[in-house]
């Protein structure tokens, strides 16, 4: 029996029936294939690759070519999950033509099924143009890491009544132009509850409480692989960094002392 790919319509159905949407990040073939095998609904090829794999201080330096490279690797390992490519900084802000062209690269070159775009009212025109071109778009509101210099940090968004009202307005405008879902990052749970209840499209929370239609984390955070910082909203399901380093140290010690290789590992 053919494997049924998770589609936009499937996500709408999940919201209607109350089935939670599980989403994680991946940047390579191995991790993507494991996630897909385990039944993840959405894989985000996030611009967080800049922090996690490329050694950048933030997501700002990540390029389209880097995103396409990693997205290609991910899609090679996926049969069921929806793969969403993250539009990096300045890939959609300069012009409508550039926004559509870059979004199209994720589908045409990398094999993704959709793209994610950060921002609300200020990028509505670009989002509408991308959607009108036949490319599904996932929105992203609240803390938008590409705007870290504008916000002056990675703090919780939507705590003031004014900012919360803007996020709610932006969410409704994104739904109106046709996004199929919205990521809500680091916003108060009560605000995400209201947005989730008032929108007919799914919300995906990351540090946005329990009321969203789904959740997303950076996989390297939840596995305890990335040690540079630990967000409050990220639960660690393992501490793989320590276990991996233990393996490295044991291998180095065995090579230095001649314990490895043995006859068992020789031809």
Protein backbone atom coordinates (compact mmCIF):
# COMPACT_ATOMS: atom_id res chain seq x y z
CA UNK A 1 0.00 0.00 0.00
CA UNK A 2 1.36 3.42 -1.00
CA UNK A 3 2.39 5.74 1.82
CA UNK A 4 0.06 8.75 2.08
CA UNK A 5 1.98 12.02 2.25
CA UNK A 6 0.83 14.48 4.94
CA UNK A 7 -0.93 17.28 3.05
CA UNK A 8 -2.44 20.67 3.82
CA UNK A 9 -5.88 19.02 3.80
CA UNK A 10 -4.67 16.40 6.28
CA UNK A 11 -3.53 19.17 8.65
CA UNK A 12 -6.91 20.89 8.37
CA UNK A 13 -8.58 17.57 9.18
CA UNK A 14 -6.32 17.12 12.20
CA UNK A 15 -7.37 20.51 13.55
CA UNK A 16 -11.05 19.70 13.00
CA UNK A 17 -10.81 16.36 14.80
CA UNK A 18 -8.51 17.59 17.58
CA UNK A 19 -5.57 15.38 16.62
CA UNK A 20 -2.37 17.16 17.65
CA UNK A 21 0.26 17.90 14.99
CA UNK A 22 3.84 16.82 15.77
CA UNK A 23 6.61 18.81 14.06
CA UNK A 24 10.39 18.73 14.46
CA UNK A 25 13.40 20.12 12.60
CA UNK A 26 15.88 18.19 10.47
CA UNK A 27 18.80 19.28 8.33
CA UNK A 28 20.15 16.00 6.93
CA UNK A 29 19.11 12.70 5.37
CA UNK A 30 19.77 10.49 8.41
CA UNK A 31 17.76 12.46 10.94
CA UNK A 32 14.95 13.12 8.45
CA UNK A 33 14.59 9.44 7.57
CA UNK A 34 14.46 8.51 11.27
CA UNK A 35 11.82 11.13 12.01
CA UNK A 36 9.75 10.02 9.02
CA UNK A 37 9.96 6.37 10.06
CA UNK A 38 8.74 7.28 13.54
CA UNK A 39 5.64 9.05 12.21
CA UNK A 40 6.39 12.77 12.50
CA UNK A 41 3.76 14.87 10.71
CA UNK A 42 5.88 17.84 9.59
CA UNK A 43 9.63 18.23 9.20
CA UNK A 44 10.86 21.82 9.21
CA UNK A 45 14.17 22.43 7.50
CA UNK A 46 14.70 25.44 9.73
CA UNK A 47 17.10 28.33 9.35
CA UNK A 48 18.08 27.23 12.87
CA UNK A 49 20.59 25.15 10.90
CA UNK A 50 22.71 28.28 11.17
CA UNK A 51 22.94 27.98 14.96
CA UNK A 52 22.89 24.20 15.24
CA UNK A 53 25.11 22.97 12.40
CA UNK A 54 26.86 25.92 10.78
CA UNK A 55 28.18 27.71 13.88
CA UNK A 56 26.54 31.10 13.30
CA UNK A 57 25.57 33.22 16.29
CA UNK A 58 22.04 33.66 14.93
CA UNK A 59 19.99 32.84 11.83
CA UNK A 60 20.74 36.08 9.98
CA UNK A 61 23.75 34.83 7.92
CA UNK A 62 21.98 31.72 6.56
CA UNK A 63 21.75 31.82 2.75
CA UNK A 64 19.26 30.40 0.26
CA UNK A 65 21.91 28.07 -1.16
CA UNK A 66 22.62 26.68 2.32
CA UNK A 67 18.91 26.13 2.92
CA UNK A 68 18.44 24.41 -0.43
CA UNK A 69 21.46 22.16 0.24
CA UNK A 70 20.06 20.95 3.57
CA UNK A 71 16.49 20.70 2.30
CA UNK A 72 17.61 18.43 -0.55
CA UNK A 73 19.24 16.10 1.96
CA UNK A 74 16.09 16.01 4.09
CA UNK A 75 13.66 15.28 1.27
CA UNK A 76 15.77 12.33 0.12
CA UNK A 77 14.94 10.63 3.42
CA UNK A 78 11.22 11.42 3.67
CA UNK A 79 8.22 9.54 2.29
CA UNK A 80 5.30 10.51 4.55
CA UNK A 81 5.95 13.77 6.42
CA UNK A 82 5.32 17.20 4.96
CA UNK A 83 8.67 18.94 4.45
CA UNK A 84 8.65 22.71 5.00
CA UNK A 85 11.58 24.87 3.93
CA UNK A 86 12.35 27.94 6.05
CA UNK A 87 12.73 31.11 3.98
CA UNK A 88 15.97 32.70 5.29
CA UNK A 89 16.56 36.37 6.07
CA UNK A 90 16.37 38.65 3.00
CA UNK A 91 15.09 35.87 0.73
CA UNK A 92 11.60 37.41 0.58
CA UNK A 93 11.87 41.01 1.83
CA UNK A 94 13.62 42.73 -1.10
CA UNK A 95 11.04 42.22 -3.86
CA UNK A 96 7.96 40.18 -4.70
CA UNK A 97 9.73 38.59 -7.66
CA UNK A 98 12.64 37.47 -5.49
CA UNK A 99 10.26 36.14 -2.84
CA UNK A 100 8.42 33.95 -5.36
CA UNK A 101 11.63 32.81 -7.02
CA UNK A 102 13.25 31.79 -3.74
CA UNK A 103 10.11 30.07 -2.43
CA UNK A 104 9.88 28.19 -5.71
CA UNK A 105 13.42 26.89 -5.31
CA UNK A 106 12.36 24.95 -2.20
CA UNK A 107 9.76 23.05 -4.22
CA UNK A 108 11.47 22.86 -7.60
CA UNK A 109 15.07 22.18 -6.54
CA UNK A 110 14.77 20.72 -3.06
CA UNK A 111 11.50 18.76 -3.21
CA UNK A 112 9.79 20.44 -0.26
CA UNK A 113 6.00 20.70 -0.09
CA UNK A 114 5.77 24.16 1.50
CA UNK A 115 7.75 27.12 2.84
CA UNK A 116 7.68 29.05 6.12
CA UNK A 117 7.83 32.85 6.20
CA UNK A 118 8.37 34.98 9.32
CA UNK A 119 6.33 38.10 9.92
CA UNK A 120 2.85 39.56 9.73
CA UNK A 121 1.37 42.61 8.03
CA UNK A 122 4.73 43.84 6.78
CA UNK A 123 5.23 40.75 4.59
CA UNK A 124 1.60 40.02 3.66
CA UNK A 125 2.06 41.10 0.04
CA UNK A 126 5.01 38.76 -0.44
CA UNK A 127 3.18 35.87 1.23
CA UNK A 128 0.10 36.40 -0.95
CA UNK A 129 2.26 36.47 -4.08
CA UNK A 130 3.96 33.21 -3.08
CA UNK A 131 0.62 31.52 -2.36
CA UNK A 132 -0.90 32.84 -5.62
CA UNK A 133 2.02 31.16 -7.38
CA UNK A 134 0.85 27.78 -6.07
CA UNK A 135 3.27 27.46 -3.15
CA UNK A 136 1.79 26.62 0.29
CA UNK A 137 3.00 28.97 3.04
CA UNK A 138 3.27 28.43 6.79
CA UNK A 139 3.29 31.69 8.77
CA UNK A 140 5.39 32.50 11.83
CA UNK A 141 4.45 35.08 14.49
CA UNK A 142 5.52 36.05 17.99
CA UNK A 143 9.26 35.81 18.41
CA UNK A 144 10.61 35.87 14.87
CA UNK A 145 14.36 35.15 15.17
CA UNK A 146 15.22 36.91 11.89
CA UNK A 147 14.05 40.15 13.57
CA UNK A 148 16.24 39.67 16.65
CA UNK A 149 18.06 42.98 16.10
CA UNK A 150 14.74 44.81 15.68
CA UNK A 151 13.36 43.31 18.90
CA UNK A 152 16.66 43.60 20.77
CA UNK A 153 16.72 39.99 21.93
CA UNK A 154 14.87 36.70 22.18
CA UNK A 155 12.31 37.64 24.83
CA UNK A 156 8.66 36.62 25.00
CA UNK A 157 6.45 38.54 22.56
CA UNK A 158 2.85 39.60 23.07
CA UNK A 159 3.01 40.34 26.79
CA UNK A 160 1.65 43.87 26.40
CA UNK A 161 -1.95 44.37 25.31
CA UNK A 162 -0.81 46.37 22.29
CA UNK A 163 1.63 43.74 21.06
CA UNK A 164 -0.78 40.89 21.75
CA UNK A 165 -3.47 42.66 19.72
CA UNK A 166 -1.07 43.11 16.81
CA UNK A 167 -0.11 39.42 16.83
CA UNK A 168 -3.79 38.45 16.83
CA UNK A 169 -4.52 40.87 13.97
CA UNK A 170 -1.53 39.56 12.02
CA UNK A 171 -2.68 35.96 12.55
CA UNK A 172 -6.11 36.77 11.12
CA UNK A 173 -4.56 38.61 8.16
CA UNK A 174 -2.26 35.66 7.45
CA UNK A 175 -5.27 33.35 7.44
CA UNK A 176 -7.10 35.71 5.07
CA UNK A 177 -4.27 35.68 2.50
CA UNK A 178 -4.20 31.87 2.60
CA UNK A 179 -1.45 30.50 4.85
CA UNK A 180 -2.23 26.91 5.83
CA UNK A 181 -0.86 27.14 9.38
CA UNK A 182 0.97 29.52 11.71
CA UNK A 183 3.90 28.90 14.05
CA UNK A 184 3.50 30.84 17.31
CA UNK A 185 6.85 31.27 19.06
CA UNK A 186 7.36 32.45 22.64
CA UNK A 187 3.97 34.04 23.21
CA UNK A 188 1.82 33.76 26.36
CA UNK A 189 -0.37 30.67 26.48
CA UNK A 190 -3.56 32.71 26.78
CA UNK A 191 -2.75 34.59 23.57
CA UNK A 192 -2.03 31.36 21.69
CA UNK A 193 -5.30 29.92 23.02
CA UNK A 194 -7.26 32.86 21.65
CA UNK A 195 -5.52 32.71 18.27
CA UNK A 196 -6.04 28.95 18.03
CA UNK A 197 -9.74 29.27 18.84
CA UNK A 198 -10.38 32.17 16.45
CA UNK A 199 -8.54 30.72 13.44
CA UNK A 200 -9.72 27.84 11.27
CA UNK A 201 -6.14 26.95 10.30
CA UNK A 202 -3.77 25.00 12.60
CA UNK A 203 -1.42 26.73 15.00
CA UNK A 204 1.95 25.18 15.86
CA UNK A 205 3.44 26.27 19.15
CA UNK A 206 7.03 26.61 20.28
CA UNK A 207 7.08 28.07 23.75
CA UNK A 208 3.42 29.03 23.28
CA UNK A 209 1.69 26.76 25.77
CA UNK A 210 -0.69 23.84 25.57
CA UNK A 211 -3.56 25.25 23.51
CA UNK A 212 -1.97 25.17 20.04
CA UNK A 213 -3.03 22.56 17.49
CA UNK A 214 0.51 21.20 17.38
CA UNK A 215 4.03 21.64 18.70
CA UNK A 216 7.49 22.07 17.17
CA UNK A 217 10.97 21.89 18.68
CA UNK A 218 14.49 22.00 17.34
CA UNK A 219 15.40 18.31 17.32
CA UNK A 220 18.97 18.93 18.46
CA UNK A 221 17.57 20.72 21.53
CA UNK A 222 15.10 17.99 22.52
CA UNK A 223 17.76 15.30 22.07
CA UNK A 224 20.25 17.20 24.23
CA UNK A 225 22.70 17.40 21.33
CA UNK A 226 23.03 21.19 21.20
CA UNK A 227 24.62 22.42 24.42
CA UNK A 228 25.23 26.10 23.74
CA UNK A 229 21.94 27.06 25.35
CA UNK A 230 18.77 25.36 26.59
CA UNK A 231 15.51 27.21 25.94
CA UNK A 232 12.95 27.06 28.74
CA UNK A 233 10.31 25.79 26.31
CA UNK A 234 12.39 22.86 25.07
CA UNK A 235 12.05 19.57 26.95
CA UNK A 236 15.15 17.37 26.80
CA UNK A 237 14.16 13.80 26.10
CA UNK A 238 17.80 12.66 26.26
CA UNK A 239 21.31 13.96 26.88
CA UNK A 240 22.94 12.59 23.75
CA UNK A 241 25.81 15.08 23.73
CA UNK A 242 27.33 13.51 26.85
CA UNK A 243 26.81 9.97 25.56
CA UNK A 244 28.38 10.82 22.19
CA UNK A 245 31.38 12.47 23.87
CA UNK A 246 31.78 9.37 26.07
CA UNK A 247 31.99 7.28 22.89
CA UNK A 248 34.54 9.64 21.37
CA UNK A 249 36.74 9.49 24.49
CA UNK A 250 36.51 5.69 24.68
CA UNK A 251 37.48 5.36 21.00
CA UNK A 252 40.42 7.75 21.39
CA UNK A 253 41.64 5.89 24.48
CA UNK A 254 41.37 2.50 22.77
CA UNK A 255 43.24 3.68 19.68
CA UNK A 256 46.00 5.26 21.80
CA UNK A 257 46.42 2.12 23.93
CA UNK A 258 46.08 -0.38 21.10
CA UNK A 259 42.81 -1.89 22.33
CA UNK A 260 41.18 -1.11 18.98
CA UNK A 261 41.17 -2.65 16.45
CA UNK A 262 41.33 -6.29 17.50
CA UNK A 263 41.31 -9.47 15.40
CA UNK A 264 37.52 -9.18 15.44
CA UNK A 265 37.74 -5.99 13.42
CA UNK A 266 40.43 -7.21 11.03
CA UNK A 267 40.30 -9.13 7.72
